[in-house]
Amino acid sequence: MLNIREIQKTDNPIINNLVINTLHEFGAKGPGFASSDEELKDMYTAYQAANKQFYVVELDGEVLGCAGVAPLDGEENSGICELRKMYFDKRLRGQGAGKKLIDLCIEKAKEIGFHTMYLETIPEMKIAQNLYKSRGFDYLDSAKGNTCHSACQVFMQRSL
């Protein structure tokens, strides 16, 4: 059974491995990717502020997916949030979890008061890009904010 819930402290090592393993699956290794983010060491603590939220997706009790919402680094007071660390183990893909999770993140971002949602990804993640497009995201020509994801080459956003 599929279950989406808020992150717990005990999820930290699972999320760390999920992000790194998923990126490696798509050839994204080294600096400039989300796997280098400082917050990955303690995702639970990083998302305890009122203007942030992080979710995990469980399938039959096992955490196999995640995503969160936080102010865009470098533009914290702009009303722009970033969809962060949306990753799924291959066992979870194709089951509708991505649609449910992104919709939940969009609703939470609106509730917090953001007016725009931004994201970065890599060209190899075509299925993810299709999901983002289906949820109203459009491509941008360049990056926004200061995410430190210098290796990401795909930038998208949508109004909330």
Protein backbone atom coordinates (compact mmCIF):
# COMPACT_ATOMS: atom_id res chain seq x y z
CA MET A 1 0.00 0.00 0.00
CA LEU A 2 1.17 3.51 -0.87
CA ASN A 3 1.55 6.04 1.95
CA ILE A 4 2.85 9.62 1.86
CA ARG A 5 3.89 11.14 5.17
CA GLU A 6 6.10 13.86 6.64
CA ILE A 7 9.76 13.01 7.11
CA GLN A 8 10.89 11.58 10.45
CA LYS A 9 14.41 11.70 11.91
CA THR A 10 14.80 7.95 11.35
CA ASP A 11 14.33 8.53 7.59
CA ASN A 12 17.60 10.50 7.26
CA PRO A 13 19.91 7.63 6.19
CA ILE A 14 17.26 6.19 3.88
CA ILE A 15 16.72 9.53 2.10
CA ASN A 16 20.48 10.05 1.79
CA ASN A 17 20.90 6.67 0.10
CA LEU A 18 17.81 7.15 -2.08
CA VAL A 19 19.03 10.50 -3.45
CA ILE A 20 22.59 9.31 -4.09
CA ASN A 21 21.56 5.96 -5.62
CA THR A 22 18.94 7.53 -7.89
CA LEU A 23 21.35 10.17 -9.15
CA HIS A 24 24.03 7.54 -9.78
CA GLU A 25 21.47 5.47 -11.71
CA PHE A 26 21.18 8.40 -14.14
CA GLY A 27 24.93 9.03 -14.32
CA ALA A 28 24.87 12.05 -12.01
CA LYS A 29 27.94 11.65 -9.83
CA GLY A 30 30.21 14.19 -8.19
CA PRO A 31 29.81 17.83 -7.21
CA GLY A 32 27.06 20.06 -8.59
CA PHE A 33 24.20 17.64 -7.90
CA ALA A 34 21.79 17.31 -4.96
CA SER A 35 23.94 14.47 -3.62
CA SER A 36 26.45 17.15 -2.53
CA ASP A 37 23.93 19.26 -0.59
CA GLU A 38 24.75 19.85 3.07
CA GLU A 39 21.10 19.32 4.08
CA LEU A 40 21.27 15.72 2.90
CA LYS A 41 23.16 14.85 6.09
CA ASP A 42 20.08 15.66 8.21
CA MET A 43 17.00 16.19 6.08
CA TYR A 44 14.66 15.99 9.05
CA THR A 45 16.24 18.96 10.83
CA ALA A 46 16.67 20.91 7.59
CA TYR A 47 12.90 20.89 7.00
CA GLN A 48 11.58 21.89 10.44
CA ALA A 49 11.07 25.59 9.58
CA ALA A 50 7.54 26.88 9.00
CA ASN A 51 8.31 27.70 5.34
CA LYS A 52 9.58 24.20 4.49
CA GLN A 53 8.07 20.73 4.19
CA PHE A 54 9.54 17.35 3.25
CA TYR A 55 7.64 14.15 2.52
CA VAL A 56 8.53 10.51 2.08
CA VAL A 57 6.62 7.91 0.10
CA GLU A 58 6.31 4.42 1.51
CA LEU A 59 5.30 1.33 -0.40
CA ASP A 60 4.25 -1.43 1.97
CA GLY A 61 6.08 0.33 4.81
CA GLU A 62 9.38 0.86 2.96
CA VAL A 63 10.52 4.41 2.11
CA LEU A 64 11.06 4.46 -1.66
CA GLY A 65 10.42 8.10 -2.61
CA CYS A 66 10.71 11.66 -1.39
CA ALA A 67 10.28 15.35 -2.22
CA GLY A 68 10.10 18.64 -0.42
CA VAL A 69 9.39 22.33 -0.68
CA ALA A 70 11.61 25.14 0.60
CA PRO A 71 12.38 28.76 -0.26
CA LEU A 72 14.69 29.06 -3.25
CA ASP A 73 18.23 29.59 -1.95
CA GLY A 74 19.44 33.05 -2.83
CA GLU A 75 15.87 34.32 -3.28
CA GLU A 76 14.40 33.54 0.14
CA ASN A 77 12.09 36.56 0.24
CA SER A 78 10.94 36.46 -3.39
CA GLY A 79 7.92 34.18 -2.96
CA ILE A 80 9.64 31.51 -5.08
CA CYS A 81 10.02 28.04 -3.64
CA GLU A 82 11.99 25.11 -4.96
CA LEU A 83 10.70 21.58 -5.40
CA ARG A 84 13.59 19.75 -3.79
CA LYS A 85 14.92 16.24 -3.94
CA MET A 86 12.09 14.49 -5.74
CA TYR A 87 13.51 11.00 -6.16
CA PHE A 88 11.98 7.57 -6.52
CA ASP A 89 13.39 4.08 -6.27
CA LYS A 90 12.68 2.17 -9.49
CA ARG A 91 10.30 -0.13 -7.56
CA LEU A 92 8.01 2.87 -6.95
CA ARG A 93 8.05 4.38 -10.43
CA GLY A 94 5.01 4.07 -12.68
CA GLN A 95 2.54 3.64 -9.83
CA GLY A 96 1.20 7.19 -9.67
CA ALA A 97 3.21 8.16 -6.60
CA GLY A 98 4.96 10.99 -8.45
CA LYS A 99 1.67 12.67 -9.37
CA LYS A 100 0.35 12.37 -5.82
CA LEU A 101 3.56 13.67 -4.26
CA ILE A 102 4.06 16.62 -6.60
CA ASP A 103 0.41 17.63 -6.18
CA LEU A 104 0.87 17.51 -2.40
CA CYS A 105 4.02 19.65 -2.65
CA ILE A 106 2.24 22.19 -4.87
CA GLU A 107 -0.65 22.45 -2.40
CA LYS A 108 1.73 22.83 0.54
CA ALA A 109 3.70 25.54 -1.28
CA LYS A 110 0.45 27.47 -1.88
CA GLU A 111 -0.52 27.02 1.77
CA ILE A 112 2.85 28.41 2.90
CA GLY A 113 2.31 31.42 0.64
CA PHE A 114 4.67 30.91 -2.28
CA HIS A 115 3.56 32.19 -5.71
CA THR A 116 6.04 30.29 -7.93
CA MET A 117 7.64 26.85 -7.79
CA TYR A 118 11.04 26.25 -9.40
CA LEU A 119 13.03 23.07 -9.95
CA GLU A 120 16.25 21.80 -11.46
CA THR A 121 16.93 18.42 -12.98
CA ILE A 122 19.14 16.71 -15.52
CA PRO A 123 18.42 15.92 -19.19
CA GLU A 124 18.54 12.16 -18.52
CA MET A 125 15.48 12.34 -16.26
CA LYS A 126 12.98 12.52 -19.13
CA ILE A 127 10.10 10.79 -17.33
CA ALA A 128 10.41 13.25 -14.44
CA GLN A 129 10.33 16.16 -16.89
CA ASN A 130 7.14 14.76 -18.43
CA LEU A 131 5.59 14.62 -14.96
CA TYR A 132 6.60 18.22 -14.28
CA LYS A 133 5.16 19.35 -17.64
CA SER A 134 1.89 17.54 -16.85
CA ARG A 135 1.69 19.58 -13.64
CA GLY A 136 2.10 22.95 -15.35
CA PHE A 137 5.86 23.44 -15.28
CA ASP A 138 7.54 25.19 -18.21
CA TYR A 139 11.19 25.20 -19.21
CA LEU A 140 13.42 28.18 -18.41
CA ASP A 141 16.55 29.22 -20.29
CA SER A 142 18.68 29.63 -17.18
CA ALA A 143 18.92 28.82 -13.49
CA LYS A 144 17.40 30.87 -10.69
CA GLY A 145 18.67 31.41 -7.19
CA ASN A 146 21.78 29.86 -5.73
CA THR A 147 21.12 26.13 -5.42
CA CYS A 148 24.77 25.17 -6.02
CA HIS A 149 23.57 22.54 -8.49
CA SER A 150 25.98 23.63 -11.19
CA ALA A 151 25.77 20.27 -12.95
CA CYS A 152 22.00 20.49 -13.49
CA GLN A 153 21.11 21.68 -16.98
CA VAL A 154 17.31 21.66 -16.96
CA PHE A 155 15.36 24.44 -15.23
CA MET A 156 11.58 24.58 -14.89
CA GLN A 157 8.96 26.61 -13.03
CA ARG A 158 5.23 27.11 -12.65
CA SER A 159 2.93 29.64 -11.06
CA LEU A 160 1.04 28.52 -8.00
